[in-house]
Amino acid sequence: MKLMFASDIHGSLPATERILDLFSRSGARWLVILGDILNHGPRNALPEGYAPAQVAERLNDYAASIIAVRGNCDSEVDQMLLHFPMTAPWQQVLLEDNRLFLTHGHLFGPDNLPALRDDDVLIYGHTHLPVAEKRGGIYHFNPGSVSIPKGGHQASYGMLNDNVMRVIALNDQSLIAQVTINS
């Protein structure tokens, strides 16, 4: 199964347009959005092209292909604009040999793991920092942020294809991090 991951859009219309263009060309079956979709939050500067209502409109064009979780900057008011569910704090995707635990990262994350088995994958956003690695028996994957990257990183997104999880730079498509699950 081929999946695309985006996190921490924070209402940026240019980042949304870019990720939707990449999604349309990627061949991915699902676009997984890991929270903080429309609002920038009190600790973040306004992202480039901040236009949450237009971001909602654009994402709604892809509603049937989106799996989303709620971030700490998302609210029930945001859900009123979106045509796909995004208020659950976590979701799960079951692969043949692995469980993907999808969360934003403010409730569950590397320092507060949910109950997972060895070789399961914790997929989260929140920190805006890209991660693709195995810690202990659990894979950790964070696609970074498409709009407000932190830690000197580029804006980025994630892909899962043939058990390889990659963090990819949003603008130049360079590889930032990679891990193979079940390796």
C-alpha atoms as a PDB file:
ATOM      1  CA  MET A   1       0.000   0.000   0.000  1.00  0.00           C
ATOM      2  CA  LYS A   2       1.292   3.439  -0.921  1.00  0.00           C
ATOM      3  CA  LEU A   3       0.485   6.243   1.540  1.00  0.00           C
ATOM      4  CA  MET A   4       1.409   9.928   1.696  1.00  0.00           C
ATOM      5  CA  PHE A   5       1.751  11.746   5.034  1.00  0.00           C
ATOM      6  CA  ALA A   6       1.454  15.470   5.707  1.00  0.00           C
ATOM      7  CA  SER A   7       1.521  17.185   9.063  1.00  0.00           C
ATOM      8  CA  ASP A   8       1.235  20.642  10.498  1.00  0.00           C
ATOM      9  CA  ILE A   9      -0.270  22.470   7.521  1.00  0.00           C
ATOM     10  CA  HIS A  10      -1.341  25.278   9.881  1.00  0.00           C
ATOM     11  CA  GLY A  11      -3.586  26.968   7.319  1.00  0.00           C
ATOM     12  CA  SER A  12      -0.897  27.540   4.665  1.00  0.00           C
ATOM     13  CA  LEU A  13      -2.513  27.605   1.233  1.00  0.00           C
ATOM     14  CA  PRO A  14       0.773  27.337  -0.740  1.00  0.00           C
ATOM     15  CA  ALA A  15       1.834  24.285   1.322  1.00  0.00           C
ATOM     16  CA  THR A  16      -1.612  22.742   0.798  1.00  0.00           C
ATOM     17  CA  GLU A  17      -1.475  23.331  -2.953  1.00  0.00           C
ATOM     18  CA  ARG A  18       1.993  21.778  -3.114  1.00  0.00           C
ATOM     19  CA  ILE A  19       1.091  18.680  -1.093  1.00  0.00           C
ATOM     20  CA  LEU A  20      -2.118  18.126  -3.085  1.00  0.00           C
ATOM     21  CA  ASP A  21      -0.194  18.415  -6.363  1.00  0.00           C
ATOM     22  CA  LEU A  22       2.372  15.897  -5.123  1.00  0.00           C
ATOM     23  CA  PHE A  23      -0.388  13.598  -3.854  1.00  0.00           C
ATOM     24  CA  SER A  24      -2.172  13.692  -7.215  1.00  0.00           C
ATOM     25  CA  ARG A  25       1.032  12.647  -8.990  1.00  0.00           C
ATOM     26  CA  SER A  26       2.278  10.157  -6.359  1.00  0.00           C
ATOM     27  CA  GLY A  27      -0.004   7.206  -6.970  1.00  0.00           C
ATOM     28  CA  ALA A  28      -0.664   7.040  -3.210  1.00  0.00           C
ATOM     29  CA  ARG A  29      -4.044   5.621  -2.228  1.00  0.00           C
ATOM     30  CA  TRP A  30      -4.499   7.778   0.881  1.00  0.00           C
ATOM     31  CA  LEU A  31      -3.319  11.165   2.078  1.00  0.00           C
ATOM     32  CA  VAL A  32      -2.827  10.889   5.840  1.00  0.00           C
ATOM     33  CA  ILE A  33      -2.951  14.258   7.603  1.00  0.00           C
ATOM     34  CA  LEU A  34      -1.448  14.195  11.092  1.00  0.00           C
ATOM     35  CA  GLY A  35      -3.200  17.215  12.579  1.00  0.00           C
ATOM     36  CA  ASP A  36      -2.848  20.982  12.924  1.00  0.00           C
ATOM     37  CA  ILE A  37      -4.662  21.491   9.658  1.00  0.00           C
ATOM     38  CA  LEU A  38      -6.203  24.980   9.622  1.00  0.00           C
ATOM     39  CA  ASN A  39      -4.892  27.056  12.527  1.00  0.00           C
ATOM     40  CA  HIS A  40      -1.377  28.237  13.268  1.00  0.00           C
ATOM     41  CA  GLY A  41      -1.646  28.139  17.085  1.00  0.00           C
ATOM     42  CA  PRO A  42      -0.438  30.713  19.603  1.00  0.00           C
ATOM     43  CA  ARG A  43       3.229  29.622  19.563  1.00  0.00           C
ATOM     44  CA  ASN A  44       3.727  29.651  15.806  1.00  0.00           C
ATOM     45  CA  ALA A  45       4.147  32.599  13.483  1.00  0.00           C
ATOM     46  CA  LEU A  46       1.621  32.897  10.684  1.00  0.00           C
ATOM     47  CA  PRO A  47       2.755  30.589   7.894  1.00  0.00           C
ATOM     48  CA  GLU A  48       3.211  31.814   4.346  1.00  0.00           C
ATOM     49  CA  GLY A  49      -0.146  32.234   2.606  1.00  0.00           C
ATOM     50  CA  TYR A  50      -2.232  31.765   5.757  1.00  0.00           C
ATOM     51  CA  ALA A  51      -5.760  31.147   4.441  1.00  0.00           C
ATOM     52  CA  PRO A  52      -7.527  28.487   6.521  1.00  0.00           C
ATOM     53  CA  ALA A  53     -10.907  28.734   4.766  1.00  0.00           C
ATOM     54  CA  GLN A  54      -9.267  28.226   1.362  1.00  0.00           C
ATOM     55  CA  VAL A  55      -7.164  25.357   2.747  1.00  0.00           C
ATOM     56  CA  ALA A  56     -10.393  23.675   3.884  1.00  0.00           C
ATOM     57  CA  GLU A  57     -11.933  24.150   0.436  1.00  0.00           C
ATOM     58  CA  ARG A  58      -8.909  22.631  -1.306  1.00  0.00           C
ATOM     59  CA  LEU A  59      -8.678  19.675   1.081  1.00  0.00           C
ATOM     60  CA  ASN A  60     -12.414  19.033   0.706  1.00  0.00           C
ATOM     61  CA  ASP A  61     -11.797  18.314  -2.984  1.00  0.00           C
ATOM     62  CA  TYR A  62      -9.836  15.252  -1.762  1.00  0.00           C
ATOM     63  CA  ALA A  63     -12.050  14.337   1.213  1.00  0.00           C
ATOM     64  CA  ALA A  64     -12.668  10.753   0.070  1.00  0.00           C
ATOM     65  CA  SER A  65      -8.906  10.122  -0.016  1.00  0.00           C
ATOM     66  CA  ILE A  66      -7.979  11.673   3.346  1.00  0.00           C
ATOM     67  CA  ILE A  67      -7.419   9.983   6.692  1.00  0.00           C
ATOM     68  CA  ALA A  68      -6.863  12.593   9.400  1.00  0.00           C
ATOM     69  CA  VAL A  69      -6.289  12.957  13.129  1.00  0.00           C
ATOM     70  CA  ARG A  70      -6.799  15.973  15.372  1.00  0.00           C
ATOM     71  CA  GLY A  71      -3.832  18.072  16.411  1.00  0.00           C
ATOM     72  CA  ASN A  72      -3.524  20.368  19.385  1.00  0.00           C
ATOM     73  CA  CYS A  73      -4.403  23.384  17.178  1.00  0.00           C
ATOM     74  CA  ASP A  74      -7.509  21.728  15.672  1.00  0.00           C
ATOM     75  CA  SER A  75     -11.030  22.215  17.033  1.00  0.00           C
ATOM     76  CA  GLU A  76     -14.623  21.232  16.480  1.00  0.00           C
ATOM     77  CA  VAL A  77     -15.129  24.557  14.688  1.00  0.00           C
ATOM     78  CA  ASP A  78     -12.511  23.432  12.148  1.00  0.00           C
ATOM     79  CA  GLN A  79     -14.453  20.213  11.610  1.00  0.00           C
ATOM     80  CA  MET A  80     -17.421  22.303  10.498  1.00  0.00           C
ATOM     81  CA  LEU A  81     -15.417  23.430   7.436  1.00  0.00           C
ATOM     82  CA  LEU A  82     -13.939  20.043   6.537  1.00  0.00           C
ATOM     83  CA  HIS A  83     -15.755  17.242   4.715  1.00  0.00           C
ATOM     84  CA  PHE A  84     -13.609  14.471   6.191  1.00  0.00           C
ATOM     85  CA  PRO A  85     -13.428  13.444   9.861  1.00  0.00           C
ATOM     86  CA  MET A  86     -10.503  14.939  11.765  1.00  0.00           C
ATOM     87  CA  THR A  87     -11.517  15.072  15.443  1.00  0.00           C
ATOM     88  CA  ALA A  88     -10.242  11.639  16.501  1.00  0.00           C
ATOM     89  CA  PRO A  89      -6.960  11.921  18.439  1.00  0.00           C
ATOM     90  CA  TRP A  90      -5.614   8.777  16.750  1.00  0.00           C
ATOM     91  CA  GLN A  91      -6.317   6.291  13.982  1.00  0.00           C
ATOM     92  CA  GLN A  92      -4.848   2.946  13.017  1.00  0.00           C
ATOM     93  CA  VAL A  93      -4.012   1.459   9.641  1.00  0.00           C
ATOM     94  CA  LEU A  94      -3.399  -2.262   9.560  1.00  0.00           C
ATOM     95  CA  LEU A  95      -0.863  -3.645   7.127  1.00  0.00           C
ATOM     96  CA  GLU A  96      -0.193  -7.342   6.686  1.00  0.00           C
ATOM     97  CA  ASP A  97       2.666  -7.408   9.220  1.00  0.00           C
ATOM     98  CA  ASN A  98       2.474  -4.036  10.969  1.00  0.00           C
ATOM     99  CA  ARG A  99       0.105  -1.626  12.632  1.00  0.00           C
ATOM    100  CA  LEU A 100       0.482   2.057  11.813  1.00  0.00           C
ATOM    101  CA  PHE A 101      -0.572   4.115  14.837  1.00  0.00           C
ATOM    102  CA  LEU A 102      -1.432   7.588  13.530  1.00  0.00           C
ATOM    103  CA  THR A 103      -1.500  10.495  15.963  1.00  0.00           C
ATOM    104  CA  HIS A 104      -0.563  14.152  16.075  1.00  0.00           C
ATOM    105  CA  GLY A 105       2.009  13.684  18.822  1.00  0.00           C
ATOM    106  CA  HIS A 106       0.733  15.879  21.641  1.00  0.00           C
ATOM    107  CA  LEU A 107      -1.139  13.051  23.420  1.00  0.00           C
ATOM    108  CA  PHE A 108       0.780  10.006  22.223  1.00  0.00           C
ATOM    109  CA  GLY A 109       4.350  10.292  21.000  1.00  0.00           C
ATOM    110  CA  PRO A 110       7.904   9.086  21.536  1.00  0.00           C
ATOM    111  CA  ASP A 111       7.783  10.009  25.232  1.00  0.00           C
ATOM    112  CA  ASN A 112       4.250   8.641  25.779  1.00  0.00           C
ATOM    113  CA  LEU A 113       3.904   5.551  23.612  1.00  0.00           C
ATOM    114  CA  PRO A 114       0.567   3.825  23.128  1.00  0.00           C
ATOM    115  CA  ALA A 115       0.493   0.058  23.585  1.00  0.00           C
ATOM    116  CA  LEU A 116       2.349  -1.184  20.505  1.00  0.00           C
ATOM    117  CA  ARG A 117       3.959  -4.464  19.499  1.00  0.00           C
ATOM    118  CA  ASP A 118       7.474  -4.820  18.160  1.00  0.00           C
ATOM    119  CA  ASP A 119       7.617  -3.751  14.512  1.00  0.00           C
ATOM    120  CA  ASP A 120       4.538  -1.510  14.823  1.00  0.00           C
ATOM    121  CA  VAL A 121       4.963   2.060  13.577  1.00  0.00           C
ATOM    122  CA  LEU A 122       4.257   5.222  15.557  1.00  0.00           C
ATOM    123  CA  ILE A 123       3.470   7.954  13.022  1.00  0.00           C
ATOM    124  CA  TYR A 124       3.147  11.464  14.415  1.00  0.00           C
ATOM    125  CA  GLY A 125       3.689  15.164  13.714  1.00  0.00           C
ATOM    126  CA  HIS A 126       3.576  17.996  16.281  1.00  0.00           C
ATOM    127  CA  THR A 127       7.329  18.588  16.658  1.00  0.00           C
ATOM    128  CA  HIS A 128       7.791  19.724  13.035  1.00  0.00           C
ATOM    129  CA  LEU A 129      10.999  17.632  13.042  1.00  0.00           C
ATOM    130  CA  PRO A 130      11.500  14.795  10.534  1.00  0.00           C
ATOM    131  CA  VAL A 131      12.172  11.320  11.970  1.00  0.00           C
ATOM    132  CA  ALA A 132      12.485   7.881  10.341  1.00  0.00           C
ATOM    133  CA  GLU A 133      14.109   5.321  12.630  1.00  0.00           C
ATOM    134  CA  LYS A 134      13.627   2.250  14.782  1.00  0.00           C
ATOM    135  CA  ARG A 135      13.882   2.737  18.534  1.00  0.00           C
ATOM    136  CA  GLY A 136      13.811  -0.463  20.499  1.00  0.00           C
ATOM    137  CA  GLY A 137      11.265  -2.586  18.676  1.00  0.00           C
ATOM    138  CA  ILE A 138       9.067   0.309  17.485  1.00  0.00           C
ATOM    139  CA  TYR A 139       9.455   2.321  14.290  1.00  0.00           C
ATOM    140  CA  HIS A 140       9.128   6.093  14.716  1.00  0.00           C
ATOM    141  CA  PHE A 141       8.097   8.222  11.759  1.00  0.00           C
ATOM    142  CA  ASN A 142       7.465  11.962  11.643  1.00  0.00           C
ATOM    143  CA  PRO A 143       7.143  13.587   8.205  1.00  0.00           C
ATOM    144  CA  GLY A 144       8.050  17.021   9.606  1.00  0.00           C
ATOM    145  CA  SER A 145       5.927  20.043   8.730  1.00  0.00           C
ATOM    146  CA  VAL A 146       4.781  21.148   5.286  1.00  0.00           C
ATOM    147  CA  SER A 147       4.454  24.794   6.392  1.00  0.00           C
ATOM    148  CA  ILE A 148       6.480  25.669   9.509  1.00  0.00           C
ATOM    149  CA  PRO A 149       9.589  23.461   9.599  1.00  0.00           C
ATOM    150  CA  LYS A 150      11.719  23.655  12.715  1.00  0.00           C
ATOM    151  CA  GLY A 151      15.244  22.733  13.753  1.00  0.00           C
ATOM    152  CA  GLY A 152      16.806  24.055  10.559  1.00  0.00           C
ATOM    153  CA  HIS A 153      14.949  21.478   8.441  1.00  0.00           C
ATOM    154  CA  GLN A 154      13.155  22.052   5.147  1.00  0.00           C
ATOM    155  CA  ALA A 155       9.397  21.787   4.784  1.00  0.00           C
ATOM    156  CA  SER A 156       8.723  18.087   4.262  1.00  0.00           C
ATOM    157  CA  TYR A 157       6.194  15.285   3.891  1.00  0.00           C
ATOM    158  CA  GLY A 158       6.299  11.493   4.098  1.00  0.00           C
ATOM    159  CA  MET A 159       5.722   8.485   1.878  1.00  0.00           C
ATOM    160  CA  LEU A 160       5.247   4.794   2.596  1.00  0.00           C
ATOM    161  CA  ASN A 161       5.858   2.538  -0.377  1.00  0.00           C
ATOM    162  CA  ASP A 162       6.919  -1.144  -0.375  1.00  0.00           C
ATOM    163  CA  ASN A 163       7.683  -1.033   3.390  1.00  0.00           C
ATOM    164  CA  VAL A 164      10.044   1.927   2.961  1.00  0.00           C
ATOM    165  CA  MET A 165       9.107   5.068   4.872  1.00  0.00           C
ATOM    166  CA  ARG A 166      10.704   8.239   3.542  1.00  0.00           C
ATOM    167  CA  VAL A 167      10.704  11.863   4.645  1.00  0.00           C
ATOM    168  CA  ILE A 168      11.025  14.012   1.526  1.00  0.00           C
ATOM    169  CA  ALA A 169      11.691  17.739   1.118  1.00  0.00           C
ATOM    170  CA  LEU A 170       8.540  19.468  -0.081  1.00  0.00           C
ATOM    171  CA  ASN A 171      10.217  21.753  -2.604  1.00  0.00           C
ATOM    172  CA  ASP A 172      13.182  19.917  -4.124  1.00  0.00           C
ATOM    173  CA  GLN A 173      12.096  16.306  -3.433  1.00  0.00           C
ATOM    174  CA  SER A 174      15.420  15.440  -1.796  1.00  0.00           C
ATOM    175  CA  LEU A 175      15.467  12.558   0.681  1.00  0.00           C
ATOM    176  CA  ILE A 176      15.700  13.728   4.303  1.00  0.00           C
ATOM    177  CA  ALA A 177      15.316  10.441   6.206  1.00  0.00           C
ATOM    178  CA  GLN A 178      14.340   6.846   5.508  1.00  0.00           C
ATOM    179  CA  VAL A 179      13.620   3.600   7.326  1.00  0.00           C
ATOM    180  CA  THR A 180      12.535   0.193   6.049  1.00  0.00           C
ATOM    181  CA  ILE A 181       9.966  -1.532   8.206  1.00  0.00           C
ATOM    182  CA  ASN A 182      10.341  -5.281   8.822  1.00  0.00           C
ATOM    183  CA  SER A 183      14.028  -5.089   7.929  1.00  0.00           C
END
